[in-house]
C-alpha atoms as a PDB file:
ATOM      1  CA  UNK A   1      -0.064   0.013   0.010  1.00  0.00           C
ATOM      2  CA  UNK A   2       1.170   3.477  -1.121  1.00  0.00           C
ATOM      3  CA  UNK A   3       0.855   5.896   1.924  1.00  0.00           C
ATOM      4  CA  UNK A   4       2.679   8.876   0.300  1.00  0.00           C
ATOM      5  CA  UNK A   5       1.657  12.477   0.764  1.00  0.00           C
ATOM      6  CA  UNK A   6      -0.935  13.474  -1.647  1.00  0.00           C
ATOM      7  CA  UNK A   7       1.189  15.204  -4.208  1.00  0.00           C
ATOM      8  CA  UNK A   8       4.731  14.360  -2.969  1.00  0.00           C
ATOM      9  CA  UNK A   9       6.534  10.993  -2.705  1.00  0.00           C
ATOM     10  CA  UNK A  10       8.868  10.436   0.184  1.00  0.00           C
ATOM     11  CA  UNK A  11      11.879  10.653  -2.366  1.00  0.00           C
ATOM     12  CA  UNK A  12      10.552  14.066  -3.613  1.00  0.00           C
ATOM     13  CA  UNK A  13      10.068  15.239  -0.026  1.00  0.00           C
ATOM     14  CA  UNK A  14      13.595  14.089   0.977  1.00  0.00           C
ATOM     15  CA  UNK A  15      15.124  15.823  -2.119  1.00  0.00           C
ATOM     16  CA  UNK A  16      13.404  19.131  -1.303  1.00  0.00           C
ATOM     17  CA  UNK A  17      14.666  18.671   2.454  1.00  0.00           C
ATOM     18  CA  UNK A  18      18.222  17.955   0.956  1.00  0.00           C
ATOM     19  CA  UNK A  19      18.274  20.868  -1.498  1.00  0.00           C
ATOM     20  CA  UNK A  20      16.682  23.226   0.864  1.00  0.00           C
ATOM     21  CA  UNK A  21      19.050  22.530   3.822  1.00  0.00           C
ATOM     22  CA  UNK A  22      21.939  22.878   1.441  1.00  0.00           C
ATOM     23  CA  UNK A  23      20.834  26.289   0.428  1.00  0.00           C
ATOM     24  CA  UNK A  24      20.415  27.513   3.921  1.00  0.00           C
ATOM     25  CA  UNK A  25      24.053  26.758   4.641  1.00  0.00           C
ATOM     26  CA  UNK A  26      25.168  28.158   1.267  1.00  0.00           C
ATOM     27  CA  UNK A  27      23.338  31.286   1.947  1.00  0.00           C
ATOM     28  CA  UNK A  28      25.350  31.829   4.970  1.00  0.00           C
ATOM     29  CA  UNK A  29      28.632  31.307   3.209  1.00  0.00           C
ATOM     30  CA  UNK A  30      27.790  33.514   0.295  1.00  0.00           C
ATOM     31  CA  UNK A  31      26.523  36.268   2.216  1.00  0.00           C
ATOM     32  CA  UNK A  32      29.503  36.172   4.648  1.00  0.00           C
ATOM     33  CA  UNK A  33      31.691  36.538   1.552  1.00  0.00           C
ATOM     34  CA  UNK A  34      29.427  39.177  -0.112  1.00  0.00           C
ATOM     35  CA  UNK A  35      29.118  41.437   2.797  1.00  0.00           C
ATOM     36  CA  UNK A  36      32.705  41.291   3.914  1.00  0.00           C
ATOM     37  CA  UNK A  37      31.951  40.001   7.334  1.00  0.00           C
ATOM     38  CA  UNK A  38      34.726  37.225   7.232  1.00  0.00           C
ATOM     39  CA  UNK A  39      37.199  39.395   9.253  1.00  0.00           C
ATOM     40  CA  UNK A  40      34.672  40.165  11.741  1.00  0.00           C
ATOM     41  CA  UNK A  41      33.638  36.500  12.278  1.00  0.00           C
ATOM     42  CA  UNK A  42      37.404  35.596  12.251  1.00  0.00           C
ATOM     43  CA  UNK A  43      37.948  38.178  15.020  1.00  0.00           C
ATOM     44  CA  UNK A  44      35.138  36.523  16.987  1.00  0.00           C
ATOM     45  CA  UNK A  45      36.722  33.278  16.468  1.00  0.00           C
ATOM     46  CA  UNK A  46      40.117  34.260  17.608  1.00  0.00           C
ATOM     47  CA  UNK A  47      38.742  35.811  20.736  1.00  0.00           C
ATOM     48  CA  UNK A  48      37.105  32.264  21.444  1.00  0.00           C
ATOM     49  CA  UNK A  49      40.572  31.051  21.527  1.00  0.00           C
ATOM     50  CA  UNK A  50      41.213  29.829  17.897  1.00  0.00           C
ATOM     51  CA  UNK A  51      44.851  30.707  17.001  1.00  0.00           C
ATOM     52  CA  UNK A  52      43.973  31.120  13.164  1.00  0.00           C
ATOM     53  CA  UNK A  53      40.450  32.514  13.210  1.00  0.00           C
ATOM     54  CA  UNK A  54      40.504  33.712   9.619  1.00  0.00           C
ATOM     55  CA  UNK A  55      41.687  30.138   8.419  1.00  0.00           C
ATOM     56  CA  UNK A  56      38.933  28.705  10.578  1.00  0.00           C
ATOM     57  CA  UNK A  57      36.230  30.882   9.163  1.00  0.00           C
ATOM     58  CA  UNK A  58      37.406  30.362   5.630  1.00  0.00           C
ATOM     59  CA  UNK A  59      37.381  26.715   6.267  1.00  0.00           C
ATOM     60  CA  UNK A  60      33.871  27.023   7.626  1.00  0.00           C
ATOM     61  CA  UNK A  61      32.687  28.932   4.555  1.00  0.00           C
ATOM     62  CA  UNK A  62      34.373  26.615   2.126  1.00  0.00           C
ATOM     63  CA  UNK A  63      32.679  23.638   3.752  1.00  0.00           C
ATOM     64  CA  UNK A  64      29.399  25.337   3.692  1.00  0.00           C
ATOM     65  CA  UNK A  65      29.803  25.979  -0.133  1.00  0.00           C
ATOM     66  CA  UNK A  66      31.227  22.487  -0.816  1.00  0.00           C
ATOM     67  CA  UNK A  67      29.036  20.359   1.165  1.00  0.00           C
ATOM     68  CA  UNK A  68      26.058  22.267   0.231  1.00  0.00           C
ATOM     69  CA  UNK A  69      26.857  21.704  -3.435  1.00  0.00           C
ATOM     70  CA  UNK A  70      27.104  18.000  -2.754  1.00  0.00           C
ATOM     71  CA  UNK A  71      23.965  17.915  -1.222  1.00  0.00           C
ATOM     72  CA  UNK A  72      22.195  19.734  -4.056  1.00  0.00           C
ATOM     73  CA  UNK A  73      23.645  17.347  -6.682  1.00  0.00           C
ATOM     74  CA  UNK A  74      23.142  14.390  -4.463  1.00  0.00           C
ATOM     75  CA  UNK A  75      26.669  13.183  -4.205  1.00  0.00           C
ATOM     76  CA  UNK A  76      28.384  11.858  -1.191  1.00  0.00           C
ATOM     77  CA  UNK A  77      25.320  13.198   0.905  1.00  0.00           C
ATOM     78  CA  UNK A  78      26.059  11.404   4.088  1.00  0.00           C
ATOM     79  CA  UNK A  79      29.706  12.918   4.256  1.00  0.00           C
ATOM     80  CA  UNK A  80      28.298  16.453   3.226  1.00  0.00           C
ATOM     81  CA  UNK A  81      25.434  16.426   5.785  1.00  0.00           C
ATOM     82  CA  UNK A  82      27.813  15.222   8.447  1.00  0.00           C
ATOM     83  CA  UNK A  83      30.145  17.953   7.805  1.00  0.00           C
ATOM     84  CA  UNK A  84      27.379  20.486   7.874  1.00  0.00           C
ATOM     85  CA  UNK A  85      26.190  18.902  11.042  1.00  0.00           C
ATOM     86  CA  UNK A  86      29.473  19.276  12.772  1.00  0.00           C
ATOM     87  CA  UNK A  87      29.268  23.001  11.788  1.00  0.00           C
ATOM     88  CA  UNK A  88      25.867  23.587  13.237  1.00  0.00           C
ATOM     89  CA  UNK A  89      26.872  21.539  16.418  1.00  0.00           C
ATOM     90  CA  UNK A  90      29.899  23.825  16.620  1.00  0.00           C
ATOM     91  CA  UNK A  91      27.938  26.821  16.367  1.00  0.00           C
ATOM     92  CA  UNK A  92      25.218  25.681  18.870  1.00  0.00           C
ATOM     93  CA  UNK A  93      28.408  25.151  21.509  1.00  0.00           C
ATOM     94  CA  UNK A  94      30.416  28.086  20.604  1.00  0.00           C
ATOM     95  CA  UNK A  95      27.648  30.723  20.093  1.00  0.00           C
ATOM     96  CA  UNK A  96      24.056  29.833  20.416  1.00  0.00           C
ATOM     97  CA  UNK A  97      23.792  27.956  23.559  1.00  0.00           C
ATOM     98  CA  UNK A  98      24.825  31.128  25.606  1.00  0.00           C
ATOM     99  CA  UNK A  99      21.907  33.028  23.966  1.00  0.00           C
ATOM    100  CA  UNK A 100      19.151  30.655  25.135  1.00  0.00           C
ATOM    101  CA  UNK A 101      16.767  28.531  22.845  1.00  0.00           C
ATOM    102  CA  UNK A 102      14.856  30.947  20.706  1.00  0.00           C
ATOM    103  CA  UNK A 103      16.056  32.707  17.816  1.00  0.00           C
ATOM    104  CA  UNK A 104      13.542  35.369  17.605  1.00  0.00           C
ATOM    105  CA  UNK A 105      10.174  36.583  19.102  1.00  0.00           C
ATOM    106  CA  UNK A 106      11.051  35.013  22.574  1.00  0.00           C
ATOM    107  CA  UNK A 107      14.737  35.363  22.360  1.00  0.00           C
ATOM    108  CA  UNK A 108      17.754  36.585  20.202  1.00  0.00           C
ATOM    109  CA  UNK A 109      20.343  34.353  18.543  1.00  0.00           C
ATOM    110  CA  UNK A 110      19.466  31.271  20.345  1.00  0.00           C
ATOM    111  CA  UNK A 111      19.970  27.727  19.331  1.00  0.00           C
ATOM    112  CA  UNK A 112      16.616  26.438  17.893  1.00  0.00           C
ATOM    113  CA  UNK A 113      17.359  27.139  14.429  1.00  0.00           C
ATOM    114  CA  UNK A 114      20.597  25.381  14.484  1.00  0.00           C
ATOM    115  CA  UNK A 115      19.019  22.398  16.119  1.00  0.00           C
ATOM    116  CA  UNK A 116      16.449  22.129  13.479  1.00  0.00           C
ATOM    117  CA  UNK A 117      18.977  22.282  10.900  1.00  0.00           C
ATOM    118  CA  UNK A 118      20.855  19.531  12.599  1.00  0.00           C
ATOM    119  CA  UNK A 119      17.529  17.321  12.787  1.00  0.00           C
ATOM    120  CA  UNK A 120      17.144  17.724   9.040  1.00  0.00           C
ATOM    121  CA  UNK A 121      20.948  16.856   8.512  1.00  0.00           C
ATOM    122  CA  UNK A 122      20.281  13.653  10.579  1.00  0.00           C
ATOM    123  CA  UNK A 123      17.220  12.817   8.275  1.00  0.00           C
ATOM    124  CA  UNK A 124      19.399  13.457   5.085  1.00  0.00           C
ATOM    125  CA  UNK A 125      22.195  11.117   6.371  1.00  0.00           C
ATOM    126  CA  UNK A 126      19.981   8.536   7.549  1.00  0.00           C
ATOM    127  CA  UNK A 127      17.756   8.333   4.434  1.00  0.00           C
ATOM    128  CA  UNK A 128      18.621   5.379   2.016  1.00  0.00           C
ATOM    129  CA  UNK A 129      20.910   7.140  -0.243  1.00  0.00           C
ATOM    130  CA  UNK A 130      19.911   4.884  -3.378  1.00  0.00           C
ATOM    131  CA  UNK A 131      16.347   6.492  -2.928  1.00  0.00           C
ATOM    132  CA  UNK A 132      17.423  10.189  -1.939  1.00  0.00           C
ATOM    133  CA  UNK A 133      20.558  10.689  -3.974  1.00  0.00           C
ATOM    134  CA  UNK A 134      22.774   9.496  -6.762  1.00  0.00           C
ATOM    135  CA  UNK A 135      25.562   8.208  -4.416  1.00  0.00           C
ATOM    136  CA  UNK A 136      25.323   4.789  -2.407  1.00  0.00           C
ATOM    137  CA  UNK A 137      27.623   5.964   0.559  1.00  0.00           C
END
């Protein structure tokens, strides 16, 4: 018996989740580059104790773009989702947990958005890649 959503199959819904999540991460990276906020973010990371804040921020930015691209094309999705999960987890522990749970309305800069992204990335990584994407990793 096929219990799929009225107009989307599970495969299509997972593809939308995969691509949408990738675009969210890539938007952060591209905006960081376009707005010239990499030095400010690097200073923040240096203040947290990272010896090479600029290298760390460029690494985060590169991973967001490369892993996001891999998710969009459906290649090595488990590795890409895992890399983005690590970035989101780092953001929760280094930045957002100190600001509470809520991002807006009831708070400012909390971790709910990052946790939501992490849940989406877990679903992407756990999904059967033969149905979700082109790879079989």
